[in-house]
């Protein structure tokens, strides 16, 4: 993914976040630094179904603390930031899957 695509995805995530806070198009546009029409297009793009399954990506608003944490992970694992985040997420998900499998094996139910 190019730097331009990354910035677009981050902007759209921020637009969505502000919209869910009940902010007006004018307020969102001023906060993000784009026109109201751009905000409308961003919201429409987020609501439109993706053309391909691989286009359905997680949008994350990167704040300063998340950036620091991601850099720490990347340095610790000696991987690119996105690869380090992917690795840690997969490890956490695998732990959850193991916990659920053990619970089902012990009780026959996913619920505790």
C-alpha atoms as a PDB file:
ATOM      1  CA  UNK A   1       0.000   0.000   0.000  1.00  0.00           C
ATOM      2  CA  UNK A   2       1.399   3.380  -0.975  1.00  0.00           C
ATOM      3  CA  UNK A   3       1.833   6.319   1.383  1.00  0.00           C
ATOM      4  CA  UNK A   4      -1.013   8.129  -0.397  1.00  0.00           C
ATOM      5  CA  UNK A   5      -3.367   5.165   0.107  1.00  0.00           C
ATOM      6  CA  UNK A   6      -2.352   4.938   3.758  1.00  0.00           C
ATOM      7  CA  UNK A   7      -3.077   8.640   4.334  1.00  0.00           C
ATOM      8  CA  UNK A   8      -6.432   8.282   2.554  1.00  0.00           C
ATOM      9  CA  UNK A   9      -7.417   5.329   4.728  1.00  0.00           C
ATOM     10  CA  UNK A  10      -6.336   7.141   7.888  1.00  0.00           C
ATOM     11  CA  UNK A  11      -8.278  10.260   6.879  1.00  0.00           C
ATOM     12  CA  UNK A  12     -11.383   8.213   6.145  1.00  0.00           C
ATOM     13  CA  UNK A  13     -11.085   6.474   9.498  1.00  0.00           C
ATOM     14  CA  UNK A  14     -10.845   9.871  11.203  1.00  0.00           C
ATOM     15  CA  UNK A  15     -13.863  11.138   9.239  1.00  0.00           C
ATOM     16  CA  UNK A  16     -15.861   8.080  10.331  1.00  0.00           C
ATOM     17  CA  UNK A  17     -14.769   8.536  13.937  1.00  0.00           C
ATOM     18  CA  UNK A  18     -15.872  12.178  13.964  1.00  0.00           C
ATOM     19  CA  UNK A  19     -19.160  11.263  12.301  1.00  0.00           C
ATOM     20  CA  UNK A  20     -19.915   8.679  14.999  1.00  0.00           C
ATOM     21  CA  UNK A  21     -19.323  11.423  17.562  1.00  0.00           C
ATOM     22  CA  UNK A  22     -22.195  13.324  15.954  1.00  0.00           C
ATOM     23  CA  UNK A  23     -20.049  16.037  14.392  1.00  0.00           C
ATOM     24  CA  UNK A  24     -21.447  17.976  11.411  1.00  0.00           C
ATOM     25  CA  UNK A  25     -19.950  17.751   7.934  1.00  0.00           C
ATOM     26  CA  UNK A  26     -18.659  21.315   8.344  1.00  0.00           C
ATOM     27  CA  UNK A  27     -16.978  20.474  11.667  1.00  0.00           C
ATOM     28  CA  UNK A  28     -15.452  17.290  10.256  1.00  0.00           C
ATOM     29  CA  UNK A  29     -14.169  19.114   7.185  1.00  0.00           C
ATOM     30  CA  UNK A  30     -12.562  21.817   9.343  1.00  0.00           C
ATOM     31  CA  UNK A  31     -11.019  19.258  11.715  1.00  0.00           C
ATOM     32  CA  UNK A  32      -9.585  17.091   8.939  1.00  0.00           C
ATOM     33  CA  UNK A  33      -8.656  19.976   6.648  1.00  0.00           C
ATOM     34  CA  UNK A  34     -10.719  19.043   3.596  1.00  0.00           C
ATOM     35  CA  UNK A  35     -13.910  20.307   1.957  1.00  0.00           C
ATOM     36  CA  UNK A  36     -17.407  19.176   2.936  1.00  0.00           C
ATOM     37  CA  UNK A  37     -17.664  17.463  -0.460  1.00  0.00           C
ATOM     38  CA  UNK A  38     -14.540  15.441   0.327  1.00  0.00           C
ATOM     39  CA  UNK A  39     -16.074  14.420   3.662  1.00  0.00           C
ATOM     40  CA  UNK A  40     -19.231  13.318   1.802  1.00  0.00           C
ATOM     41  CA  UNK A  41     -17.158  11.291  -0.668  1.00  0.00           C
ATOM     42  CA  UNK A  42     -15.148   9.696   2.144  1.00  0.00           C
ATOM     43  CA  UNK A  43     -18.306   8.673   3.992  1.00  0.00           C
ATOM     44  CA  UNK A  44     -19.843   7.316   0.781  1.00  0.00           C
ATOM     45  CA  UNK A  45     -16.683   5.321   0.072  1.00  0.00           C
ATOM     46  CA  UNK A  46     -16.783   3.828   3.568  1.00  0.00           C
ATOM     47  CA  UNK A  47     -20.410   2.818   3.153  1.00  0.00           C
ATOM     48  CA  UNK A  48     -20.037   1.343  -0.344  1.00  0.00           C
ATOM     49  CA  UNK A  49     -19.385  -2.398  -0.472  1.00  0.00           C
ATOM     50  CA  UNK A  50     -15.809  -3.220  -1.419  1.00  0.00           C
ATOM     51  CA  UNK A  51     -15.315  -4.489  -4.952  1.00  0.00           C
ATOM     52  CA  UNK A  52     -12.994  -7.235  -3.787  1.00  0.00           C
ATOM     53  CA  UNK A  53     -12.659  -9.085  -0.498  1.00  0.00           C
ATOM     54  CA  UNK A  54      -9.008  -8.063  -0.186  1.00  0.00           C
ATOM     55  CA  UNK A  55     -10.072  -4.391  -0.201  1.00  0.00           C
ATOM     56  CA  UNK A  56     -11.934  -4.831   3.082  1.00  0.00           C
ATOM     57  CA  UNK A  57      -9.229  -3.659   5.424  1.00  0.00           C
ATOM     58  CA  UNK A  58      -9.258  -2.565   9.017  1.00  0.00           C
ATOM     59  CA  UNK A  59      -9.071   1.209   9.317  1.00  0.00           C
ATOM     60  CA  UNK A  60      -7.216   2.442  12.362  1.00  0.00           C
ATOM     61  CA  UNK A  61      -6.778   6.013  13.476  1.00  0.00           C
ATOM     62  CA  UNK A  62      -3.130   6.182  14.479  1.00  0.00           C
ATOM     63  CA  UNK A  63      -2.621   8.425  17.478  1.00  0.00           C
ATOM     64  CA  UNK A  64       0.755   9.223  19.030  1.00  0.00           C
ATOM     65  CA  UNK A  65       0.638   6.422  21.636  1.00  0.00           C
ATOM     66  CA  UNK A  66      -0.337   3.810  19.065  1.00  0.00           C
ATOM     67  CA  UNK A  67       2.503   5.004  16.830  1.00  0.00           C
ATOM     68  CA  UNK A  68       4.976   4.642  19.722  1.00  0.00           C
ATOM     69  CA  UNK A  69       3.655   1.178  20.582  1.00  0.00           C
ATOM     70  CA  UNK A  70       3.849   0.073  16.952  1.00  0.00           C
ATOM     71  CA  UNK A  71       7.427   1.344  16.676  1.00  0.00           C
ATOM     72  CA  UNK A  72       8.320  -0.554  19.866  1.00  0.00           C
ATOM     73  CA  UNK A  73       6.792  -3.759  18.470  1.00  0.00           C
ATOM     74  CA  UNK A  74       8.556  -3.297  15.148  1.00  0.00           C
ATOM     75  CA  UNK A  75      11.905  -2.773  16.861  1.00  0.00           C
ATOM     76  CA  UNK A  76      11.363  -5.727  19.228  1.00  0.00           C
ATOM     77  CA  UNK A  77      10.475  -8.152  16.461  1.00  0.00           C
ATOM     78  CA  UNK A  78      12.770  -6.526  13.897  1.00  0.00           C
ATOM     79  CA  UNK A  79       9.908  -6.347  11.432  1.00  0.00           C
ATOM     80  CA  UNK A  80       8.169  -3.579   9.520  1.00  0.00           C
ATOM     81  CA  UNK A  81       5.462  -1.912  11.607  1.00  0.00           C
ATOM     82  CA  UNK A  82       2.539  -3.485   9.759  1.00  0.00           C
ATOM     83  CA  UNK A  83       4.131  -6.947   9.910  1.00  0.00           C
ATOM     84  CA  UNK A  84       4.806  -6.608  13.654  1.00  0.00           C
ATOM     85  CA  UNK A  85       1.200  -5.557  14.283  1.00  0.00           C
ATOM     86  CA  UNK A  86      -0.079  -8.456  12.170  1.00  0.00           C
ATOM     87  CA  UNK A  87       2.116 -10.928  14.085  1.00  0.00           C
ATOM     88  CA  UNK A  88       0.963  -9.704  17.497  1.00  0.00           C
ATOM     89  CA  UNK A  89      -2.695  -9.708  16.453  1.00  0.00           C
ATOM     90  CA  UNK A  90      -2.414 -13.262  15.122  1.00  0.00           C
ATOM     91  CA  UNK A  91      -0.709 -14.386  18.340  1.00  0.00           C
ATOM     92  CA  UNK A  92      -3.456 -12.830  20.465  1.00  0.00           C
ATOM     93  CA  UNK A  93      -6.187 -14.363  18.293  1.00  0.00           C
ATOM     94  CA  UNK A  94      -4.545 -17.782  18.489  1.00  0.00           C
ATOM     95  CA  UNK A  95      -4.495 -17.535  22.291  1.00  0.00           C
ATOM     96  CA  UNK A  96      -8.201 -16.731  22.279  1.00  0.00           C
ATOM     97  CA  UNK A  97      -8.914 -19.648  19.924  1.00  0.00           C
ATOM     98  CA  UNK A  98      -7.024 -22.023  22.248  1.00  0.00           C
ATOM     99  CA  UNK A  99      -8.958 -20.731  25.266  1.00  0.00           C
ATOM    100  CA  UNK A 100     -12.291 -21.210  23.487  1.00  0.00           C
ATOM    101  CA  UNK A 101     -11.319 -24.710  22.294  1.00  0.00           C
ATOM    102  CA  UNK A 102     -10.316 -25.707  25.843  1.00  0.00           C
ATOM    103  CA  UNK A 103     -13.564 -24.302  27.250  1.00  0.00           C
ATOM    104  CA  UNK A 104     -15.638 -26.179  24.675  1.00  0.00           C
ATOM    105  CA  UNK A 105     -13.713 -29.392  25.368  1.00  0.00           C
ATOM    106  CA  UNK A 106     -14.226 -29.017  29.134  1.00  0.00           C
ATOM    107  CA  UNK A 107     -17.815 -27.768  29.244  1.00  0.00           C
ATOM    108  CA  UNK A 108     -19.277 -28.299  25.793  1.00  0.00           C
ATOM    109  CA  UNK A 109     -20.033 -24.581  25.580  1.00  0.00           C
ATOM    110  CA  UNK A 110     -18.238 -21.451  24.452  1.00  0.00           C
ATOM    111  CA  UNK A 111     -19.759 -19.507  27.330  1.00  0.00           C
ATOM    112  CA  UNK A 112     -17.958 -19.508  30.688  1.00  0.00           C
END
